[in-house]
């Protein structure tokens, strides 16, 4: 199984959830993750 993560502007969080749930093959539950950030010398 592969996991994807993306950022996007949305007009409605509820509508986005409904769309995601309608195309999901199964509910996997919550995933715990720890994000790591790196200082890239002023790059954005």
N, C-alpha and C. Protein backbone atom coordinates (compact mmCIF):
# COMPACT_ATOMS: atom_id res chain seq x y z
N UNK A 1 0.85 -1.17 0.00
CA UNK A 1 0.00 0.00 0.00
C UNK A 1 0.89 1.23 0.00
N UNK A 2 0.46 2.27 -0.71
CA UNK A 2 1.18 3.54 -0.74
C UNK A 2 0.33 4.62 -0.13
N UNK A 3 0.98 5.57 0.48
CA UNK A 3 0.32 6.68 1.12
C UNK A 3 0.75 7.96 0.40
N UNK A 4 -0.19 8.86 0.15
CA UNK A 4 0.16 10.14 -0.43
C UNK A 4 -0.27 11.26 0.51
N UNK A 5 0.44 12.36 0.43
CA UNK A 5 0.10 13.53 1.23
C UNK A 5 0.22 14.74 0.31
N UNK A 6 -0.76 15.61 0.38
CA UNK A 6 -0.71 16.80 -0.45
C UNK A 6 -1.32 17.98 0.27
N UNK A 7 -1.02 19.15 -0.23
CA UNK A 7 -1.62 20.38 0.31
C UNK A 7 -2.40 21.03 -0.81
N UNK A 8 -3.60 21.47 -0.48
CA UNK A 8 -4.45 22.11 -1.48
C UNK A 8 -5.43 23.03 -0.77
N UNK A 9 -5.78 24.11 -1.43
CA UNK A 9 -6.82 24.99 -0.90
C UNK A 9 -8.17 24.38 -1.24
N UNK A 10 -9.07 24.40 -0.26
CA UNK A 10 -10.41 23.85 -0.48
C UNK A 10 -11.44 24.85 0.01
N UNK A 11 -12.60 24.78 -0.57
CA UNK A 11 -13.68 25.67 -0.16
C UNK A 11 -14.46 25.13 1.02
N UNK A 12 -14.50 23.81 1.16
CA UNK A 12 -15.30 23.20 2.22
C UNK A 12 -14.61 21.93 2.72
N UNK A 13 -14.23 21.94 4.00
CA UNK A 13 -13.62 20.75 4.59
C UNK A 13 -14.59 19.58 4.58
N UNK A 14 -15.86 19.84 4.86
CA UNK A 14 -16.86 18.76 4.85
C UNK A 14 -16.97 18.12 3.47
N UNK A 15 -17.00 18.93 2.42
CA UNK A 15 -17.09 18.39 1.06
C UNK A 15 -15.84 17.59 0.70
N UNK A 16 -14.68 18.08 1.11
CA UNK A 16 -13.43 17.36 0.84
C UNK A 16 -13.44 16.01 1.53
N UNK A 17 -13.91 15.95 2.77
CA UNK A 17 -14.01 14.68 3.49
C UNK A 17 -14.95 13.71 2.79
N UNK A 18 -16.10 14.22 2.37
CA UNK A 18 -17.08 13.37 1.67
C UNK A 18 -16.47 12.81 0.39
N UNK A 19 -15.76 13.64 -0.34
CA UNK A 19 -15.13 13.18 -1.59
C UNK A 19 -14.09 12.11 -1.30
N UNK A 20 -13.24 12.34 -0.31
CA UNK A 20 -12.21 11.36 0.04
C UNK A 20 -12.83 10.04 0.48
N UNK A 21 -13.86 10.11 1.30
CA UNK A 21 -14.52 8.89 1.76
C UNK A 21 -15.20 8.15 0.63
N UNK A 22 -15.70 8.88 -0.38
CA UNK A 22 -16.40 8.22 -1.48
C UNK A 22 -15.45 7.47 -2.41
N UNK A 23 -14.18 7.87 -2.46
CA UNK A 23 -13.23 7.18 -3.36
C UNK A 23 -12.31 6.21 -2.63
N UNK A 24 -12.36 6.22 -1.29
CA UNK A 24 -11.50 5.32 -0.51
C UNK A 24 -11.97 3.88 -0.66
N UNK A 25 -11.02 2.97 -0.74
CA UNK A 25 -11.38 1.55 -0.84
C UNK A 25 -11.69 0.96 0.54
N UNK A 26 -11.06 1.50 1.58
CA UNK A 26 -11.37 1.10 2.94
C UNK A 26 -10.84 2.16 3.90
N UNK A 27 -11.42 2.21 5.08
CA UNK A 27 -10.98 3.18 6.09
C UNK A 27 -9.81 2.58 6.86
N UNK A 28 -8.70 3.31 6.89
CA UNK A 28 -7.50 2.80 7.54
C UNK A 28 -7.31 3.33 8.95
N UNK A 29 -8.12 4.31 9.35
CA UNK A 29 -7.98 4.88 10.68
C UNK A 29 -6.98 6.01 10.70
N UNK A 30 -6.66 6.48 11.87
CA UNK A 30 -5.73 7.60 12.04
C UNK A 30 -4.30 7.08 11.99
N UNK A 31 -3.44 7.89 11.41
CA UNK A 31 -2.02 7.55 11.35
C UNK A 31 -1.25 8.54 12.19
N UNK A 32 -0.45 8.04 13.10
CA UNK A 32 0.38 8.92 13.94
C UNK A 32 1.69 9.16 13.20
N UNK A 33 2.08 10.42 13.09
CA UNK A 33 3.35 10.73 12.46
C UNK A 33 4.00 11.90 13.17
N UNK A 34 5.31 11.96 13.05
CA UNK A 34 6.08 13.07 13.60
C UNK A 34 6.77 13.75 12.41
N UNK A 35 6.46 15.02 12.19
CA UNK A 35 7.08 15.76 11.10
C UNK A 35 8.44 16.29 11.52
N UNK A 36 9.39 16.23 10.61
CA UNK A 36 10.73 16.74 10.85
C UNK A 36 10.99 17.87 9.86
N UNK A 37 11.44 18.99 10.36
CA UNK A 37 11.73 20.16 9.53
C UNK A 37 13.23 20.42 9.54
N UNK A 38 13.76 20.85 8.41
CA UNK A 38 15.18 21.11 8.28
C UNK A 38 15.39 22.56 7.88
N UNK A 39 16.41 23.20 8.44
CA UNK A 39 16.79 24.54 8.06
C UNK A 39 17.54 24.45 6.74
N UNK A 40 17.00 25.08 5.70
CA UNK A 40 17.58 24.98 4.36
C UNK A 40 18.26 26.29 3.94
N UNK A 41 18.80 27.01 4.87
CA UNK A 41 19.56 28.20 4.55
C UNK A 41 18.75 29.33 3.92
N UNK A 42 17.51 29.52 4.34
CA UNK A 42 16.69 30.62 3.83
C UNK A 42 15.85 30.27 2.62
N UNK A 43 15.96 29.08 2.08
CA UNK A 43 15.12 28.67 0.94
C UNK A 43 13.69 28.51 1.40
N UNK A 44 12.80 28.74 0.49
CA UNK A 44 11.39 28.53 0.83
C UNK A 44 10.75 27.57 -0.11
